[in-house]
Every structure is written in C-alpha cells, then in structure tokens.
Amino acid sequence: MYYAIISEDIPDSLALRKQARPAHLARLEDLKNQGRLLVAGPHPAIDSPEPGDSGFTGSLVIAEFESLEQAQAWADADPYVDAGVYKEVKVKPYKVALP
C-alpha cells in the first residue's frame, strides 16, 4: 500500500536542508530503484519552483510500504529528521485514485 509522508520544516531550515540533502536524496533514490516511490519533493516557501534563499516549508513523499509501521519507521530514519529540519512528520495511508 502507498503511504503519504507529510513533513513540515522548522523556520529557516534551508541551511540544515543543504547539509542533510545528499543522504536524504540517497534514500529516495533507493525507494525509486526498488519501484516503490510514487512521488517526492519539497514545498517551496514562495510561489516558485526555485525559491532560492526563501527555502522550503516541508516535504511530501508518497511511497509503497508493507505497513503503516514500516512507513513510519522509514520516515523516522530520514536524515532531515536527524538534522532537525522537520518540526513535524505525519504518515498516512494513501490511495491512488487518478490518473
């Protein structure tokens, strides 16, 4: 089943994001290579795909896991969590309806 991992950043998280980004992306690449990643990306802090110094306000990952517990464990091990980027992370079951 798919699960949505919805994360909200602390204020002014950009410097912390930059430090932890390579490890964060490596985990997402692993999910992608396993065919389990539906979509992933950050939420820009401004209405622009390249927010520059404005940074980001959070992230969304939708990926396939065997259970809610496994999805939560994966989310808890995110390098952004360890780096203090996120102030809150929610994991919810997700059903693909369209397309």
C-alpha atoms as a PDB file:
ATOM      1  CA  MET A   1       0.000   0.000   0.000  1.00  0.00           C
ATOM      2  CA  TYR A   2       1.075   3.594  -0.529  1.00  0.00           C
ATOM      3  CA  TYR A   3       1.692   5.988   2.349  1.00  0.00           C
ATOM      4  CA  ALA A   4       1.985   9.776   2.314  1.00  0.00           C
ATOM      5  CA  ILE A   5       4.788  11.168   4.446  1.00  0.00           C
ATOM      6  CA  ILE A   6       3.955  14.821   5.041  1.00  0.00           C
ATOM      7  CA  SER A   7       6.688  16.808   6.746  1.00  0.00           C
ATOM      8  CA  GLU A   8       6.729  20.377   7.994  1.00  0.00           C
ATOM      9  CA  ASP A   9      10.017  22.267   8.354  1.00  0.00           C
ATOM     10  CA  ILE A  10      11.183  24.379  11.241  1.00  0.00           C
ATOM     11  CA  PRO A  11      11.541  28.093  10.344  1.00  0.00           C
ATOM     12  CA  ASP A  12      14.683  28.948   8.371  1.00  0.00           C
ATOM     13  CA  SER A  13      15.542  25.311   7.657  1.00  0.00           C
ATOM     14  CA  LEU A  14      17.471  25.891   4.424  1.00  0.00           C
ATOM     15  CA  ALA A  15      20.999  25.573   5.849  1.00  0.00           C
ATOM     16  CA  LEU A  16      20.082  22.349   7.657  1.00  0.00           C
ATOM     17  CA  ARG A  17      18.410  21.010   4.499  1.00  0.00           C
ATOM     18  CA  LYS A  18      21.518  21.666   2.420  1.00  0.00           C
ATOM     19  CA  GLN A  19      23.721  19.736   4.853  1.00  0.00           C
ATOM     20  CA  ALA A  20      21.471  16.667   5.011  1.00  0.00           C
ATOM     21  CA  ARG A  21      20.227  16.711   1.394  1.00  0.00           C
ATOM     22  CA  PRO A  22      22.655  14.166  -0.142  1.00  0.00           C
ATOM     23  CA  ALA A  23      21.734  11.494   2.419  1.00  0.00           C
ATOM     24  CA  HIS A  24      18.030  12.366   2.137  1.00  0.00           C
ATOM     25  CA  LEU A  25      18.113  12.032  -1.663  1.00  0.00           C
ATOM     26  CA  ALA A  26      20.050   8.748  -1.489  1.00  0.00           C
ATOM     27  CA  ARG A  27      17.211   7.162   0.498  1.00  0.00           C
ATOM     28  CA  LEU A  28      14.668   8.409  -2.044  1.00  0.00           C
ATOM     29  CA  GLU A  29      16.775   7.058  -4.916  1.00  0.00           C
ATOM     30  CA  ASP A  30      16.790   3.689  -3.158  1.00  0.00           C
ATOM     31  CA  LEU A  31      12.970   3.694  -2.999  1.00  0.00           C
ATOM     32  CA  LYS A  32      12.828   4.735  -6.654  1.00  0.00           C
ATOM     33  CA  ASN A  33      15.219   1.959  -7.701  1.00  0.00           C
ATOM     34  CA  GLN A  34      13.022  -0.553  -5.873  1.00  0.00           C
ATOM     35  CA  GLY A  35       9.972   0.711  -7.799  1.00  0.00           C
ATOM     36  CA  ARG A  36       8.280   1.865  -4.574  1.00  0.00           C
ATOM     37  CA  LEU A  37       8.413   5.675  -4.966  1.00  0.00           C
ATOM     38  CA  LEU A  38       5.345   7.339  -6.467  1.00  0.00           C
ATOM     39  CA  VAL A  39       6.398  10.963  -5.957  1.00  0.00           C
ATOM     40  CA  ALA A  40       8.621  13.072  -3.711  1.00  0.00           C
ATOM     41  CA  GLY A  41       9.521  16.712  -3.380  1.00  0.00           C
ATOM     42  CA  PRO A  42       9.698  19.807  -1.214  1.00  0.00           C
ATOM     43  CA  HIS A  43       7.164  22.584  -0.708  1.00  0.00           C
ATOM     44  CA  PRO A  44       8.763  25.905  -1.765  1.00  0.00           C
ATOM     45  CA  ALA A  45       8.284  28.730   0.728  1.00  0.00           C
ATOM     46  CA  ILE A  46       7.297  31.070  -2.116  1.00  0.00           C
ATOM     47  CA  ASP A  47       5.320  30.587  -5.322  1.00  0.00           C
ATOM     48  CA  SER A  48       8.316  29.490  -7.377  1.00  0.00           C
ATOM     49  CA  PRO A  49       9.906  26.169  -8.315  1.00  0.00           C
ATOM     50  CA  GLU A  50      13.281  27.697  -7.374  1.00  0.00           C
ATOM     51  CA  PRO A  51      12.710  29.620  -4.118  1.00  0.00           C
ATOM     52  CA  GLY A  52      16.378  30.484  -3.578  1.00  0.00           C
ATOM     53  CA  ASP A  53      17.083  31.840  -0.094  1.00  0.00           C
ATOM     54  CA  SER A  54      13.382  31.632   0.798  1.00  0.00           C
ATOM     55  CA  GLY A  55      13.845  27.879   1.111  1.00  0.00           C
ATOM     56  CA  PHE A  56      11.138  25.348   1.779  1.00  0.00           C
ATOM     57  CA  THR A  57       8.343  24.767   4.273  1.00  0.00           C
ATOM     58  CA  GLY A  58       8.229  20.976   4.178  1.00  0.00           C
ATOM     59  CA  SER A  59       8.209  17.883   2.003  1.00  0.00           C
ATOM     60  CA  LEU A  60       5.910  15.224   0.612  1.00  0.00           C
ATOM     61  CA  VAL A  61       6.890  11.633  -0.099  1.00  0.00           C
ATOM     62  CA  ILE A  62       4.401   9.067  -1.367  1.00  0.00           C
ATOM     63  CA  ALA A  63       5.855   5.588  -1.438  1.00  0.00           C
ATOM     64  CA  GLU A  64       4.874   1.958  -1.086  1.00  0.00           C
ATOM     65  CA  PHE A  65       5.494   0.129   2.184  1.00  0.00           C
ATOM     66  CA  GLU A  66       4.192  -3.141   3.618  1.00  0.00           C
ATOM     67  CA  SER A  67       2.545  -1.412   6.582  1.00  0.00           C
ATOM     68  CA  LEU A  68       1.946   1.902   8.310  1.00  0.00           C
ATOM     69  CA  GLU A  69       4.548   0.880  10.892  1.00  0.00           C
ATOM     70  CA  GLN A  70       7.195   0.342   8.191  1.00  0.00           C
ATOM     71  CA  ALA A  71       6.345   3.670   6.571  1.00  0.00           C
ATOM     72  CA  GLN A  72       6.611   5.409   9.956  1.00  0.00           C
ATOM     73  CA  ALA A  73       9.950   3.740  10.674  1.00  0.00           C
ATOM     74  CA  TRP A  74      11.278   4.833   7.281  1.00  0.00           C
ATOM     75  CA  ALA A  75      10.089   8.411   7.917  1.00  0.00           C
ATOM     76  CA  ASP A  76      11.604   8.442  11.410  1.00  0.00           C
ATOM     77  CA  ALA A  77      15.009   7.473   9.958  1.00  0.00           C
ATOM     78  CA  ASP A  78      15.084  10.345   7.445  1.00  0.00           C
ATOM     79  CA  PRO A  79      18.336  12.343   7.581  1.00  0.00           C
ATOM     80  CA  TYR A  80      16.243  15.523   7.678  1.00  0.00           C
ATOM     81  CA  VAL A  81      14.751  14.303  10.972  1.00  0.00           C
ATOM     82  CA  ASP A  82      18.231  13.692  12.398  1.00  0.00           C
ATOM     83  CA  ALA A  83      19.404  17.115  11.171  1.00  0.00           C
ATOM     84  CA  GLY A  84      16.481  18.908  12.827  1.00  0.00           C
ATOM     85  CA  VAL A  85      14.921  20.109   9.550  1.00  0.00           C
ATOM     86  CA  TYR A  86      11.437  18.868  10.360  1.00  0.00           C
ATOM     87  CA  LYS A  87       9.316  20.051  13.263  1.00  0.00           C
ATOM     88  CA  GLU A  88       6.521  17.599  12.424  1.00  0.00           C
ATOM     89  CA  VAL A  89       6.142  14.460  10.310  1.00  0.00           C
ATOM     90  CA  LYS A  90       2.805  12.771   9.614  1.00  0.00           C
ATOM     91  CA  VAL A  91       2.439   9.395   7.923  1.00  0.00           C
ATOM     92  CA  LYS A  92      -0.940   8.457   6.467  1.00  0.00           C
ATOM     93  CA  PRO A  93      -2.220   5.666   4.224  1.00  0.00           C
ATOM     94  CA  TYR A  94      -2.682   6.906   0.658  1.00  0.00           C
ATOM     95  CA  LYS A  95      -4.906   5.560  -2.098  1.00  0.00           C
ATOM     96  CA  VAL A  96      -4.105   6.432  -5.700  1.00  0.00           C
ATOM     97  CA  ALA A  97      -7.388   7.418  -7.336  1.00  0.00           C
ATOM     98  CA  LEU A  98      -6.290   9.246 -10.517  1.00  0.00           C
ATOM     99  CA  PRO A  99      -4.867   9.006 -13.127  1.00  0.00           C
END
